[in-house]
Amino acid sequence: MKDRDFDVIIIGGSYAGLSAAMALGRAIRNVLIIDAGQPCNRQTPHSHNFLTQDGATPVAISSLAKSQVLAYPTVQFVNDTVFDVLGFDNNFLIKTAAGKIHTTRKILFSTGIKDIIPAIPGFAESWGISVIHCPYCHGYEYKGQNTGILANDDMAIDFVKLIGNWTQKLTLFTNGKAVFDKGKFDKISIPGFEIVEKEIAELIHENGHLKEIVFKDGSVQEIDALYARVPFVQHTDIPAKLGCELNQMGHIKVDEFGKTAIAGIYAAGDNTSRLRSVSSAVAAGTTAGAFLNHELIAE
């Protein structure tokens, strides 16, 4: 069953997608947002570093945003999953898991990324709560507390220097023999800093709040927070199948306006940037929405 035509279909209805939809709704564009309901920060208890919303829950921010976006009558939102995109600029056809077929002139992918969680018991349950990736998002809440960094590469020293701004109670856990030059850490001026090369067996937590790290040799170390930069993949491979380029880190390549290398296709949010925050996703979405409208006007 074919649905109505849209000016823009936004695939992914979290912060970047909703922000783009607001810009387009205010430009009186017919917009459909298709969202699968799996935001990457769904376990995170509070969002920070976003003016007017500091400390609010991610779901509260997105729920308020959704209600405000859908106040614009030309914007629609559906809970569904896109599994295929066909066609070309000004004539795209989108198929969904619910059996719907939508046509659109332009597409915005705001689908985020999928973190690849290491197979350490307790890690997944604590991810986004006390196992964290960004000190600007979470560091203030764990300032001065027993903090670990899970890393074993040449970038570990830069990570240690960064997190040392928030706490002096800092340990680098390599989860096995270090593969980097430990001599680089000799000048680290953090009292009590150490590198622990023991393999981790389990993270003990209470509702995602870390208590201890248990090592495979049976020893235990108290911990309040653990920073980790885990690898990721795109939440969907559809942009790549359409010809959108990825950079060396795995993000979709876009210009300053969110435009990909494929005509008519834009991307915004975590799928395009290392800056994984609500505020940066909102900013990227607003920019992409505005320039999608400019492109439609020019045509």
C-alpha atoms as a PDB file:
ATOM      1  CA  MET A   1       0.000   0.000   0.000  1.00  0.00           C
ATOM      2  CA  LYS A   2       1.495   3.309  -1.095  1.00  0.00           C
ATOM      3  CA  ASP A   3       1.196   6.282   1.254  1.00  0.00           C
ATOM      4  CA  ARG A   4       1.144   9.976   0.371  1.00  0.00           C
ATOM      5  CA  ASP A   5       4.139  11.847  -0.933  1.00  0.00           C
ATOM      6  CA  PHE A   6       6.328  13.862   1.439  1.00  0.00           C
ATOM      7  CA  ASP A   7       8.816  16.636   0.956  1.00  0.00           C
ATOM      8  CA  VAL A   8      11.171  15.040   3.478  1.00  0.00           C
ATOM      9  CA  ILE A   9      11.158  11.742   5.303  1.00  0.00           C
ATOM     10  CA  ILE A  10      13.272  11.711   8.443  1.00  0.00           C
ATOM     11  CA  ILE A  11      14.517   8.262   9.408  1.00  0.00           C
ATOM     12  CA  GLY A  12      15.224   8.322  13.137  1.00  0.00           C
ATOM     13  CA  GLY A  13      13.094  10.406  15.491  1.00  0.00           C
ATOM     14  CA  SER A  14      15.377  11.292  18.361  1.00  0.00           C
ATOM     15  CA  TYR A  15      16.983  14.699  18.988  1.00  0.00           C
ATOM     16  CA  ALA A  16      18.515  15.405  15.576  1.00  0.00           C
ATOM     17  CA  GLY A  17      15.484  14.077  13.720  1.00  0.00           C
ATOM     18  CA  LEU A  18      12.968  15.996  15.832  1.00  0.00           C
ATOM     19  CA  SER A  19      15.026  19.174  15.558  1.00  0.00           C
ATOM     20  CA  ALA A  20      15.145  18.893  11.764  1.00  0.00           C
ATOM     21  CA  ALA A  21      11.409  18.201  11.693  1.00  0.00           C
ATOM     22  CA  MET A  22      10.708  21.375  13.651  1.00  0.00           C
ATOM     23  CA  ALA A  23      12.726  23.477  11.204  1.00  0.00           C
ATOM     24  CA  LEU A  24      10.908  21.860   8.287  1.00  0.00           C
ATOM     25  CA  GLY A  25       7.491  22.076   9.942  1.00  0.00           C
ATOM     26  CA  ARG A  26       8.003  25.772  10.479  1.00  0.00           C
ATOM     27  CA  ALA A  27       8.878  25.978   6.779  1.00  0.00           C
ATOM     28  CA  ILE A  28       5.467  24.396   6.058  1.00  0.00           C
ATOM     29  CA  ARG A  29       6.996  21.240   4.575  1.00  0.00           C
ATOM     30  CA  ASN A  30       5.182  17.903   4.538  1.00  0.00           C
ATOM     31  CA  VAL A  31       7.380  15.740   6.758  1.00  0.00           C
ATOM     32  CA  LEU A  32       7.195  12.181   8.017  1.00  0.00           C
ATOM     33  CA  ILE A  33       9.370  10.993  10.899  1.00  0.00           C
ATOM     34  CA  ILE A  34       9.875   7.218  11.096  1.00  0.00           C
ATOM     35  CA  ASP A  35      11.358   6.006  14.372  1.00  0.00           C
ATOM     36  CA  ALA A  36      12.076   2.533  15.758  1.00  0.00           C
ATOM     37  CA  GLY A  37      12.137   3.690  19.398  1.00  0.00           C
ATOM     38  CA  GLN A  38      15.672   2.560  20.301  1.00  0.00           C
ATOM     39  CA  PRO A  39      17.700   5.680  21.208  1.00  0.00           C
ATOM     40  CA  CYS A  40      21.265   4.961  22.268  1.00  0.00           C
ATOM     41  CA  ASN A  41      20.855   6.859  25.553  1.00  0.00           C
ATOM     42  CA  ARG A  42      17.718   5.018  26.689  1.00  0.00           C
ATOM     43  CA  GLN A  43      19.492   3.790  29.863  1.00  0.00           C
ATOM     44  CA  THR A  44      20.999   7.163  30.745  1.00  0.00           C
ATOM     45  CA  PRO A  45      19.272   8.587  33.840  1.00  0.00           C
ATOM     46  CA  HIS A  46      19.963  12.277  33.178  1.00  0.00           C
ATOM     47  CA  SER A  47      21.111  14.522  30.339  1.00  0.00           C
ATOM     48  CA  HIS A  48      23.534  17.377  30.934  1.00  0.00           C
ATOM     49  CA  ASN A  49      25.256  20.243  29.130  1.00  0.00           C
ATOM     50  CA  PHE A  50      22.066  21.290  27.340  1.00  0.00           C
ATOM     51  CA  LEU A  51      20.784  24.752  28.256  1.00  0.00           C
ATOM     52  CA  THR A  52      17.286  24.785  29.853  1.00  0.00           C
ATOM     53  CA  GLN A  53      17.298  20.982  30.144  1.00  0.00           C
ATOM     54  CA  ASP A  54      20.305  20.277  32.389  1.00  0.00           C
ATOM     55  CA  GLY A  55      19.529  17.240  34.530  1.00  0.00           C
ATOM     56  CA  ALA A  56      16.351  16.261  32.713  1.00  0.00           C
ATOM     57  CA  THR A  57      15.893  12.660  31.640  1.00  0.00           C
ATOM     58  CA  PRO A  58      16.489  11.893  27.970  1.00  0.00           C
ATOM     59  CA  VAL A  59      12.934  10.594  27.597  1.00  0.00           C
ATOM     60  CA  ALA A  60      11.504  13.778  29.125  1.00  0.00           C
ATOM     61  CA  ILE A  61      13.460  15.914  26.659  1.00  0.00           C
ATOM     62  CA  SER A  62      12.444  13.844  23.637  1.00  0.00           C
ATOM     63  CA  SER A  63       8.798  13.593  24.761  1.00  0.00           C
ATOM     64  CA  LEU A  64       8.522  17.376  25.132  1.00  0.00           C
ATOM     65  CA  ALA A  65      10.315  17.857  21.817  1.00  0.00           C
ATOM     66  CA  LYS A  66       7.973  15.429  20.069  1.00  0.00           C
ATOM     67  CA  SER A  67       4.866  17.168  21.399  1.00  0.00           C
ATOM     68  CA  GLN A  68       6.165  20.536  20.229  1.00  0.00           C
ATOM     69  CA  VAL A  69       7.189  19.248  16.794  1.00  0.00           C
ATOM     70  CA  LEU A  70       3.851  17.533  16.193  1.00  0.00           C
ATOM     71  CA  ALA A  71       2.029  20.782  16.954  1.00  0.00           C
ATOM     72  CA  TYR A  72       2.973  21.705  13.379  1.00  0.00           C
ATOM     73  CA  PRO A  73       0.213  20.218  11.204  1.00  0.00           C
ATOM     74  CA  THR A  74       2.451  19.253   8.279  1.00  0.00           C
ATOM     75  CA  VAL A  75       4.620  16.951  10.424  1.00  0.00           C
ATOM     76  CA  GLN A  76       3.704  13.313  11.129  1.00  0.00           C
ATOM     77  CA  PHE A  77       5.397  10.695  13.323  1.00  0.00           C
ATOM     78  CA  VAL A  78       5.128   6.897  13.109  1.00  0.00           C
ATOM     79  CA  ASN A  79       6.732   4.118  15.112  1.00  0.00           C
ATOM     80  CA  ASP A  80       8.164   1.808  12.477  1.00  0.00           C
ATOM     81  CA  THR A  81      11.446   0.564  11.050  1.00  0.00           C
ATOM     82  CA  VAL A  82      12.751   1.351   7.574  1.00  0.00           C
ATOM     83  CA  PHE A  83      14.264  -1.695   5.896  1.00  0.00           C
ATOM     84  CA  ASP A  84      14.811  -0.449   2.351  1.00  0.00           C
ATOM     85  CA  VAL A  85      15.175   2.769   0.368  1.00  0.00           C
ATOM     86  CA  LEU A  86      14.986   2.879  -3.423  1.00  0.00           C
ATOM     87  CA  GLY A  87      15.107   5.600  -6.047  1.00  0.00           C
ATOM     88  CA  PHE A  88      16.956   8.865  -6.401  1.00  0.00           C
ATOM     89  CA  ASP A  89      16.764  12.588  -5.637  1.00  0.00           C
ATOM     90  CA  ASN A  90      13.172  13.896  -5.691  1.00  0.00           C
ATOM     91  CA  ASN A  91      11.865  10.367  -6.214  1.00  0.00           C
ATOM     92  CA  PHE A  92      12.713   8.134  -3.257  1.00  0.00           C
ATOM     93  CA  LEU A  93      10.618   5.167  -2.199  1.00  0.00           C
ATOM     94  CA  ILE A  94      10.816   3.930   1.379  1.00  0.00           C
ATOM     95  CA  LYS A  95       9.658   0.524   2.616  1.00  0.00           C
ATOM     96  CA  THR A  96       9.006  -0.217   6.275  1.00  0.00           C
ATOM     97  CA  ALA A  97       8.697  -3.294   8.462  1.00  0.00           C
ATOM     98  CA  ALA A  98       4.983  -2.579   8.936  1.00  0.00           C
ATOM     99  CA  GLY A  99       4.448  -3.033   5.194  1.00  0.00           C
ATOM    100  CA  LYS A 100       4.099   0.660   4.391  1.00  0.00           C
ATOM    101  CA  ILE A 101       5.507   2.300   1.277  1.00  0.00           C
ATOM    102  CA  HIS A 102       6.190   6.029   1.384  1.00  0.00           C
ATOM    103  CA  THR A 103       7.518   8.340  -1.307  1.00  0.00           C
ATOM    104  CA  THR A 104       9.537  11.461  -0.675  1.00  0.00           C
ATOM    105  CA  ARG A 105      11.637  14.073  -2.409  1.00  0.00           C
ATOM    106  CA  LYS A 106      14.395  14.151   0.218  1.00  0.00           C
ATOM    107  CA  ILE A 107      15.673  11.951   3.042  1.00  0.00           C
ATOM    108  CA  LEU A 108      17.376  12.746   6.335  1.00  0.00           C
ATOM    109  CA  PHE A 109      19.081   9.910   8.197  1.00  0.00           C
ATOM    110  CA  SER A 110      19.237  10.691  11.912  1.00  0.00           C
ATOM    111  CA  THR A 111      19.594   7.061  12.899  1.00  0.00           C
ATOM    112  CA  GLY A 112      22.485   7.342  15.354  1.00  0.00           C
ATOM    113  CA  ILE A 113      25.019   4.606  15.990  1.00  0.00           C
ATOM    114  CA  LYS A 114      25.004   1.244  17.734  1.00  0.00           C
ATOM    115  CA  ASP A 115      27.636   0.705  20.416  1.00  0.00           C
ATOM    116  CA  ILE A 116      29.422  -2.653  20.424  1.00  0.00           C
ATOM    117  CA  ILE A 117      29.397  -3.589  24.092  1.00  0.00           C
ATOM    118  CA  PRO A 118      32.276  -5.789  25.340  1.00  0.00           C
ATOM    119  CA  ALA A 119      31.322  -9.183  26.723  1.00  0.00           C
ATOM    120  CA  ILE A 120      32.032  -8.257  30.332  1.00  0.00           C
ATOM    121  CA  PRO A 121      29.167  -9.167  32.695  1.00  0.00           C
ATOM    122  CA  GLY A 122      27.673  -6.007  34.154  1.00  0.00           C
ATOM    123  CA  PHE A 123      28.995  -3.705  31.420  1.00  0.00           C
ATOM    124  CA  ALA A 124      25.811  -3.509  29.345  1.00  0.00           C
ATOM    125  CA  GLU A 125      23.625  -3.055  32.415  1.00  0.00           C
ATOM    126  CA  SER A 126      25.767  -0.105  33.571  1.00  0.00           C
ATOM    127  CA  TRP A 127      26.316   1.516  30.164  1.00  0.00           C
ATOM    128  CA  GLY A 128      25.191   5.131  30.199  1.00  0.00           C
ATOM    129  CA  ILE A 129      24.725   5.093  33.980  1.00  0.00           C
ATOM    130  CA  SER A 130      28.136   4.570  35.593  1.00  0.00           C
ATOM    131  CA  VAL A 131      29.992   3.041  32.643  1.00  0.00           C
ATOM    132  CA  ILE A 132      30.252   6.199  30.597  1.00  0.00           C
ATOM    133  CA  HIS A 133      31.899   7.625  27.499  1.00  0.00           C
ATOM    134  CA  CYS A 134      31.950  11.410  27.916  1.00  0.00           C
ATOM    135  CA  PRO A 135      33.172  13.520  30.846  1.00  0.00           C
ATOM    136  CA  TYR A 136      31.302  16.556  29.542  1.00  0.00           C
ATOM    137  CA  CYS A 137      28.060  14.580  29.788  1.00  0.00           C
ATOM    138  CA  HIS A 138      28.732  12.708  33.042  1.00  0.00           C
ATOM    139  CA  GLY A 139      32.022  13.826  34.593  1.00  0.00           C
ATOM    140  CA  TYR A 140      30.615  16.384  37.025  1.00  0.00           C
ATOM    141  CA  GLU A 141      28.410  13.762  38.697  1.00  0.00           C
ATOM    142  CA  TYR A 142      31.468  11.559  39.366  1.00  0.00           C
ATOM    143  CA  LYS A 143      33.973  14.308  40.211  1.00  0.00           C
ATOM    144  CA  GLY A 144      36.477  13.258  42.859  1.00  0.00           C
ATOM    145  CA  GLN A 145      35.222   9.663  42.986  1.00  0.00           C
ATOM    146  CA  ASN A 146      37.020   6.355  42.361  1.00  0.00           C
ATOM    147  CA  THR A 147      37.171   6.335  38.598  1.00  0.00           C
ATOM    148  CA  GLY A 148      38.545   3.929  36.038  1.00  0.00           C
ATOM    149  CA  ILE A 149      39.317   4.142  32.356  1.00  0.00           C
ATOM    150  CA  LEU A 150      38.999   1.030  30.227  1.00  0.00           C
ATOM    151  CA  ALA A 151      41.466   1.437  27.370  1.00  0.00           C
ATOM    152  CA  ASN A 152      44.405  -0.349  25.805  1.00  0.00           C
ATOM    153  CA  ASP A 153      45.709   1.683  22.884  1.00  0.00           C
ATOM    154  CA  ASP A 154      47.955   4.618  22.093  1.00  0.00           C
ATOM    155  CA  MET A 155      45.135   7.068  22.816  1.00  0.00           C
ATOM    156  CA  ALA A 156      44.897   5.956  26.450  1.00  0.00           C
ATOM    157  CA  ILE A 157      47.270   8.636  27.717  1.00  0.00           C
ATOM    158  CA  ASP A 158      45.155  11.438  26.243  1.00  0.00           C
ATOM    159  CA  PHE A 159      42.060   9.906  27.833  1.00  0.00           C
ATOM    160  CA  VAL A 160      43.821   9.753  31.219  1.00  0.00           C
ATOM    161  CA  LYS A 161      44.884  13.417  30.967  1.00  0.00           C
ATOM    162  CA  LEU A 162      41.321  14.410  30.099  1.00  0.00           C
ATOM    163  CA  ILE A 163      39.585  12.534  32.905  1.00  0.00           C
ATOM    164  CA  GLY A 164      42.219  13.743  35.381  1.00  0.00           C
ATOM    165  CA  ASN A 165      40.501  17.120  35.176  1.00  0.00           C
ATOM    166  CA  TRP A 166      37.493  15.672  37.052  1.00  0.00           C
ATOM    167  CA  THR A 167      39.134  13.292  39.526  1.00  0.00           C
ATOM    168  CA  GLN A 168      42.544  12.445  40.959  1.00  0.00           C
ATOM    169  CA  LYS A 169      41.352   8.979  42.035  1.00  0.00           C
ATOM    170  CA  LEU A 170      42.110   7.451  38.689  1.00  0.00           C
ATOM    171  CA  THR A 171      43.121   3.988  37.424  1.00  0.00           C
ATOM    172  CA  LEU A 172      43.719   2.816  33.866  1.00  0.00           C
ATOM    173  CA  PHE A 173      42.445  -0.728  33.301  1.00  0.00           C
ATOM    174  CA  THR A 174      43.838  -2.413  30.202  1.00  0.00           C
ATOM    175  CA  ASN A 175      41.956  -5.721  30.619  1.00  0.00           C
ATOM    176  CA  GLY A 176      45.120  -7.661  29.768  1.00  0.00           C
ATOM    177  CA  LYS A 177      48.718  -6.839  29.006  1.00  0.00           C
ATOM    178  CA  ALA A 178      49.226  -3.253  27.894  1.00  0.00           C
ATOM    179  CA  VAL A 179      50.007  -2.900  24.194  1.00  0.00           C
ATOM    180  CA  PHE A 180      51.168   0.735  24.455  1.00  0.00           C
ATOM    181  CA  ASP A 181      54.340   2.370  25.754  1.00  0.00           C
ATOM    182  CA  LYS A 182      53.787   2.706  29.515  1.00  0.00           C
ATOM    183  CA  GLY A 183      56.754   5.065  29.713  1.00  0.00           C
ATOM    184  CA  LYS A 184      54.537   7.826  28.324  1.00  0.00           C
ATOM    185  CA  PHE A 185      52.669   7.822  31.647  1.00  0.00           C
ATOM    186  CA  ASP A 186      55.749   8.532  33.790  1.00  0.00           C
ATOM    187  CA  LYS A 187      55.016  12.258  33.874  1.00  0.00           C
ATOM    188  CA  ILE A 188      51.338  11.913  34.767  1.00  0.00           C
ATOM    189  CA  SER A 189      50.964  14.067  37.901  1.00  0.00           C
ATOM    190  CA  ILE A 190      47.920  12.334  39.375  1.00  0.00           C
ATOM    191  CA  PRO A 191      48.578  11.057  42.927  1.00  0.00           C
ATOM    192  CA  GLY A 192      47.941   7.324  43.185  1.00  0.00           C
ATOM    193  CA  PHE A 193      47.433   6.848  39.453  1.00  0.00           C
ATOM    194  CA  GLU A 194      48.215   3.323  38.333  1.00  0.00           C
ATOM    195  CA  ILE A 195      47.860   1.022  35.369  1.00  0.00           C
ATOM    196  CA  VAL A 196      46.192  -2.312  36.093  1.00  0.00           C
ATOM    197  CA  GLU A 197      46.806  -4.976  33.449  1.00  0.00           C
ATOM    198  CA  LYS A 198      44.708  -7.757  34.961  1.00  0.00           C
ATOM    199  CA  GLU A 199      41.874  -9.226  32.930  1.00  0.00           C
ATOM    200  CA  ILE A 200      38.389  -8.235  34.060  1.00  0.00           C
ATOM    201  CA  ALA A 201      35.908 -10.970  34.947  1.00  0.00           C
ATOM    202  CA  GLU A 202      32.883  -8.924  35.977  1.00  0.00           C
ATOM    203  CA  LEU A 203      31.546  -5.532  36.938  1.00  0.00           C
ATOM    204  CA  ILE A 204      29.541  -5.607  40.154  1.00  0.00           C
ATOM    205  CA  HIS A 205      26.779  -3.017  40.157  1.00  0.00           C
ATOM    206  CA  GLU A 206      23.469  -2.113  41.721  1.00  0.00           C
ATOM    207  CA  ASN A 207      20.894  -1.067  39.124  1.00  0.00           C
ATOM    208  CA  GLY A 208      23.708   0.061  36.841  1.00  0.00           C
ATOM    209  CA  HIS A 209      25.688   1.862  39.537  1.00  0.00           C
ATOM    210  CA  LEU A 210      29.143   0.337  39.828  1.00  0.00           C
ATOM    211  CA  LYS A 211      30.468  -1.042  43.098  1.00  0.00           C
ATOM    212  CA  GLU A 212      33.476  -3.216  42.240  1.00  0.00           C
ATOM    213  CA  ILE A 213      35.576  -4.629  39.442  1.00  0.00           C
ATOM    214  CA  VAL A 214      36.248  -8.353  39.848  1.00  0.00           C
ATOM    215  CA  PHE A 215      39.354  -9.632  38.045  1.00  0.00           C
ATOM    216  CA  LYS A 216      39.942 -13.112  36.689  1.00  0.00           C
ATOM    217  CA  ASP A 217      42.611 -13.737  39.337  1.00  0.00           C
ATOM    218  CA  GLY A 218      39.917 -13.285  42.005  1.00  0.00           C
ATOM    219  CA  SER A 219      41.034  -9.868  43.219  1.00  0.00           C
ATOM    220  CA  VAL A 220      38.578  -6.994  43.574  1.00  0.00           C
ATOM    221  CA  GLN A 221      38.824  -3.203  43.286  1.00  0.00           C
ATOM    222  CA  GLU A 222      36.223  -0.638  44.355  1.00  0.00           C
ATOM    223  CA  ILE A 223      34.994   1.642  41.605  1.00  0.00           C
ATOM    224  CA  ASP A 224      32.339   4.339  41.183  1.00  0.00           C
ATOM    225  CA  ALA A 225      32.621   5.122  37.487  1.00  0.00           C
ATOM    226  CA  LEU A 226      34.322   3.586  34.474  1.00  0.00           C
ATOM    227  CA  TYR A 227      35.007   5.489  31.262  1.00  0.00           C
ATOM    228  CA  ALA A 228      35.104   3.480  28.045  1.00  0.00           C
ATOM    229  CA  ARG A 229      35.161   4.346  24.368  1.00  0.00           C
ATOM    230  CA  VAL A 230      33.610   1.319  22.766  1.00  0.00           C
ATOM    231  CA  PRO A 231      33.598   0.647  19.024  1.00  0.00           C
ATOM    232  CA  PHE A 232      30.395   1.233  17.090  1.00  0.00           C
ATOM    233  CA  VAL A 233      28.595   0.558  13.839  1.00  0.00           C
ATOM    234  CA  GLN A 234      25.937   2.563  12.061  1.00  0.00           C
ATOM    235  CA  HIS A 235      22.454   1.688  13.306  1.00  0.00           C
ATOM    236  CA  THR A 236      21.497   0.989   9.711  1.00  0.00           C
ATOM    237  CA  ASP A 237      23.541   0.113   6.633  1.00  0.00           C
ATOM    238  CA  ILE A 238      21.010   1.692   4.269  1.00  0.00           C
ATOM    239  CA  PRO A 239      22.987   4.962   3.777  1.00  0.00           C
ATOM    240  CA  ALA A 240      26.091   2.973   2.815  1.00  0.00           C
ATOM    241  CA  LYS A 241      24.055   0.837   0.399  1.00  0.00           C
ATOM    242  CA  LEU A 242      22.788   4.030  -1.202  1.00  0.00           C
ATOM    243  CA  GLY A 243      26.364   5.179  -1.735  1.00  0.00           C
ATOM    244  CA  CYS A 244      26.863   7.526   1.219  1.00  0.00           C
ATOM    245  CA  GLU A 245      30.529   7.592   2.203  1.00  0.00           C
ATOM    246  CA  LEU A 246      31.799   6.768   5.683  1.00  0.00           C
ATOM    247  CA  ASN A 247      34.927   8.305   7.173  1.00  0.00           C
ATOM    248  CA  GLN A 248      37.732   6.344   8.820  1.00  0.00           C
ATOM    249  CA  MET A 249      35.929   6.329  12.152  1.00  0.00           C
ATOM    250  CA  GLY A 250      32.734   4.970  10.603  1.00  0.00           C
ATOM    251  CA  HIS A 251      30.621   8.151  10.592  1.00  0.00           C
ATOM    252  CA  ILE A 252      28.610   9.217   7.562  1.00  0.00           C
ATOM    253  CA  LYS A 253      30.468  11.953   5.686  1.00  0.00           C
ATOM    254  CA  VAL A 254      28.474  15.175   5.444  1.00  0.00           C
ATOM    255  CA  ASP A 255      29.235  18.780   4.665  1.00  0.00           C
ATOM    256  CA  GLU A 256      28.641  21.626   7.120  1.00  0.00           C
ATOM    257  CA  PHE A 257      24.931  21.558   6.262  1.00  0.00           C
ATOM    258  CA  GLY A 258      24.403  17.820   6.718  1.00  0.00           C
ATOM    259  CA  LYS A 259      24.447  16.949   3.031  1.00  0.00           C
ATOM    260  CA  THR A 260      25.922  13.593   2.013  1.00  0.00           C
ATOM    261  CA  ALA A 261      27.640  12.753  -1.259  1.00  0.00           C
ATOM    262  CA  ILE A 262      24.332  11.384  -2.626  1.00  0.00           C
ATOM    263  CA  ALA A 263      21.914  13.933  -4.061  1.00  0.00           C
ATOM    264  CA  GLY A 264      18.811  14.395  -1.934  1.00  0.00           C
ATOM    265  CA  ILE A 265      20.178  12.565   1.104  1.00  0.00           C
ATOM    266  CA  TYR A 266      21.196  14.312   4.321  1.00  0.00           C
ATOM    267  CA  ALA A 267      22.357  12.977   7.681  1.00  0.00           C
ATOM    268  CA  ALA A 268      22.624  14.517  11.142  1.00  0.00           C
ATOM    269  CA  GLY A 269      23.386  13.543  14.715  1.00  0.00           C
ATOM    270  CA  ASP A 270      25.516  10.796  16.232  1.00  0.00           C
ATOM    271  CA  ASN A 271      25.754   8.958  12.905  1.00  0.00           C
ATOM    272  CA  THR A 272      27.854  11.828  11.526  1.00  0.00           C
ATOM    273  CA  SER A 273      29.857  13.173  14.462  1.00  0.00           C
ATOM    274  CA  ARG A 274      32.096  12.296  17.411  1.00  0.00           C
ATOM    275  CA  LEU A 275      30.200  14.880  19.473  1.00  0.00           C
ATOM    276  CA  ARG A 276      27.698  12.573  21.127  1.00  0.00           C
ATOM    277  CA  SER A 277      25.499  14.975  23.042  1.00  0.00           C
ATOM    278  CA  VAL A 278      21.876  16.078  22.933  1.00  0.00           C
ATOM    279  CA  SER A 279      22.833  19.695  22.283  1.00  0.00           C
ATOM    280  CA  SER A 280      25.081  18.925  19.320  1.00  0.00           C
ATOM    281  CA  ALA A 281      22.468  16.564  17.822  1.00  0.00           C
ATOM    282  CA  VAL A 282      19.804  19.263  18.114  1.00  0.00           C
ATOM    283  CA  ALA A 283      22.099  21.811  16.468  1.00  0.00           C
ATOM    284  CA  ALA A 284      22.937  19.440  13.602  1.00  0.00           C
ATOM    285  CA  GLY A 285      19.266  18.628  13.076  1.00  0.00           C
ATOM    286  CA  THR A 286      18.265  22.278  12.911  1.00  0.00           C
ATOM    287  CA  THR A 287      20.991  22.968  10.348  1.00  0.00           C
ATOM    288  CA  ALA A 288      20.063  19.993   8.177  1.00  0.00           C
ATOM    289  CA  GLY A 289      16.362  20.856   8.315  1.00  0.00           C
ATOM    290  CA  ALA A 290      16.992  24.443   7.276  1.00  0.00           C
ATOM    291  CA  PHE A 291      19.206  23.491   4.355  1.00  0.00           C
ATOM    292  CA  LEU A 292      16.844  20.778   3.185  1.00  0.00           C
ATOM    293  CA  ASN A 293      14.243  23.507   2.923  1.00  0.00           C
ATOM    294  CA  HIS A 294      16.704  25.759   1.047  1.00  0.00           C
ATOM    295  CA  GLU A 295      17.345  22.930  -1.399  1.00  0.00           C
ATOM    296  CA  LEU A 296      13.628  22.384  -1.961  1.00  0.00           C
ATOM    297  CA  ILE A 297      13.135  26.121  -2.583  1.00  0.00           C
ATOM    298  CA  ALA A 298      16.028  26.212  -5.066  1.00  0.00           C
ATOM    299  CA  GLU A 299      14.462  23.394  -7.036  1.00  0.00           C
END
